[in-house]
């Protein structure tokens, strides 16, 4: 007589348990990687803006406001970069360095 061979309930439960353990390990790592990536994007945006402030200063012999700098198509053709953590970029009037007010930046 021909008998079909299939998975037993125990085998299926073991596979599901293994997948659950792997997901429990992977998901926190993915969340941590996303947070690190957002922080790195913000740091890169600030570095670019600080470089553009210095270029503007060397071109015009005066420091710009952030609105003036980001509205100039020669420096930022696409406008002000956006912080991935929903922070706001500001230009310090004494040090002329760009900072972000998002938590942890």
Protein backbone atom coordinates (compact mmCIF):
# COMPACT_ATOMS: atom_id res chain seq x y z
CA UNK A 1 0.00 0.00 0.00
CA UNK A 2 1.25 3.55 -0.87
CA UNK A 3 1.61 5.88 2.12
CA UNK A 4 2.32 9.63 1.90
CA UNK A 5 5.13 10.85 4.06
CA UNK A 6 4.57 14.30 5.58
CA UNK A 7 5.81 16.41 8.46
CA UNK A 8 4.74 15.52 11.95
CA UNK A 9 3.35 18.06 14.35
CA UNK A 10 6.52 17.87 16.46
CA UNK A 11 8.73 18.64 13.46
CA UNK A 12 6.62 21.65 12.55
CA UNK A 13 6.68 22.94 16.14
CA UNK A 14 10.47 22.62 16.30
CA UNK A 15 10.86 24.57 13.05
CA UNK A 16 8.50 27.30 14.28
CA UNK A 17 10.38 27.50 17.61
CA UNK A 18 13.72 27.83 15.82
CA UNK A 19 12.33 30.59 13.58
CA UNK A 20 10.96 32.37 16.66
CA UNK A 21 14.34 32.28 18.38
CA UNK A 22 16.09 33.58 15.27
CA UNK A 23 13.55 36.41 14.95
CA UNK A 24 13.99 37.30 18.63
CA UNK A 25 17.73 37.61 18.03
CA UNK A 26 17.51 39.49 14.72
CA UNK A 27 14.82 42.12 15.39
CA UNK A 28 16.67 44.04 18.15
CA UNK A 29 19.79 44.10 15.97
CA UNK A 30 17.82 45.53 13.06
CA UNK A 31 16.33 48.25 15.27
CA UNK A 32 19.79 49.12 16.62
CA UNK A 33 21.19 49.27 13.08
CA UNK A 34 18.39 51.62 12.02
CA UNK A 35 19.14 53.96 14.94
CA UNK A 36 22.85 53.95 14.12
CA UNK A 37 22.13 54.63 10.45
CA UNK A 38 19.94 57.64 11.31
CA UNK A 39 22.65 59.03 13.57
CA UNK A 40 25.27 58.61 10.83
CA UNK A 41 23.06 60.33 8.25
CA UNK A 42 22.58 63.28 10.61
CA UNK A 43 26.34 63.51 11.26
CA UNK A 44 27.01 63.46 7.53
CA UNK A 45 24.40 66.16 6.89
CA UNK A 46 25.97 68.37 9.57
CA UNK A 47 29.46 67.83 8.13
CA UNK A 48 28.23 68.79 4.67
CA UNK A 49 26.49 71.89 5.98
CA UNK A 50 29.56 72.93 8.00
CA UNK A 51 31.69 72.56 4.87
CA UNK A 52 29.24 74.67 2.89
CA UNK A 53 29.31 77.37 5.60
CA UNK A 54 33.09 77.55 5.26
CA UNK A 55 32.87 77.65 1.46
CA UNK A 56 30.30 80.45 1.66
CA UNK A 57 32.59 82.37 4.02
CA UNK A 58 35.56 82.05 1.66
CA UNK A 59 33.43 83.09 -1.32
CA UNK A 60 31.71 86.07 0.34
CA UNK A 61 33.94 87.10 3.29
CA UNK A 62 31.03 86.82 5.70
CA UNK A 63 29.21 84.01 7.46
CA UNK A 64 25.69 83.28 6.24
CA UNK A 65 22.55 82.48 8.13
CA UNK A 66 21.33 78.93 7.62
CA UNK A 67 18.33 80.21 5.63
CA UNK A 68 20.58 82.23 3.31
CA UNK A 69 22.93 79.31 2.80
CA UNK A 70 20.28 76.70 2.09
CA UNK A 71 18.31 78.93 -0.24
CA UNK A 72 21.39 79.52 -2.41
CA UNK A 73 21.31 76.99 -5.26
CA UNK A 74 25.09 77.11 -5.55
CA UNK A 75 25.47 75.51 -2.13
CA UNK A 76 22.27 73.49 -1.65
CA UNK A 77 20.38 72.97 -4.92
CA UNK A 78 17.80 70.78 -3.16
CA UNK A 79 17.35 72.99 -0.09
CA UNK A 80 18.05 72.22 3.55
CA UNK A 81 18.90 68.57 4.27
CA UNK A 82 16.37 66.79 6.47
CA UNK A 83 17.34 65.10 9.72
CA UNK A 84 16.15 61.47 9.62
CA UNK A 85 15.29 61.67 13.34
CA UNK A 86 12.96 64.66 12.80
CA UNK A 87 15.43 67.09 14.33
CA UNK A 88 16.01 70.69 13.26
CA UNK A 89 19.36 71.98 12.08
CA UNK A 90 20.52 75.32 13.48
CA UNK A 91 23.61 77.46 12.88
CA UNK A 92 25.36 78.80 15.98
CA UNK A 93 25.99 82.53 15.54
CA UNK A 94 29.25 82.52 17.49
CA UNK A 95 30.99 79.33 16.33
CA UNK A 96 29.26 79.12 12.94
CA UNK A 97 28.81 75.38 13.32
CA UNK A 98 25.63 73.52 12.45
CA UNK A 99 23.98 71.42 15.15
CA UNK A 100 20.89 69.25 15.39
CA UNK A 101 18.37 69.34 18.23
CA UNK A 102 17.28 65.68 17.89
CA UNK A 103 17.82 63.52 20.94
CA UNK A 104 21.21 61.83 20.94
CA UNK A 105 22.72 63.98 18.20
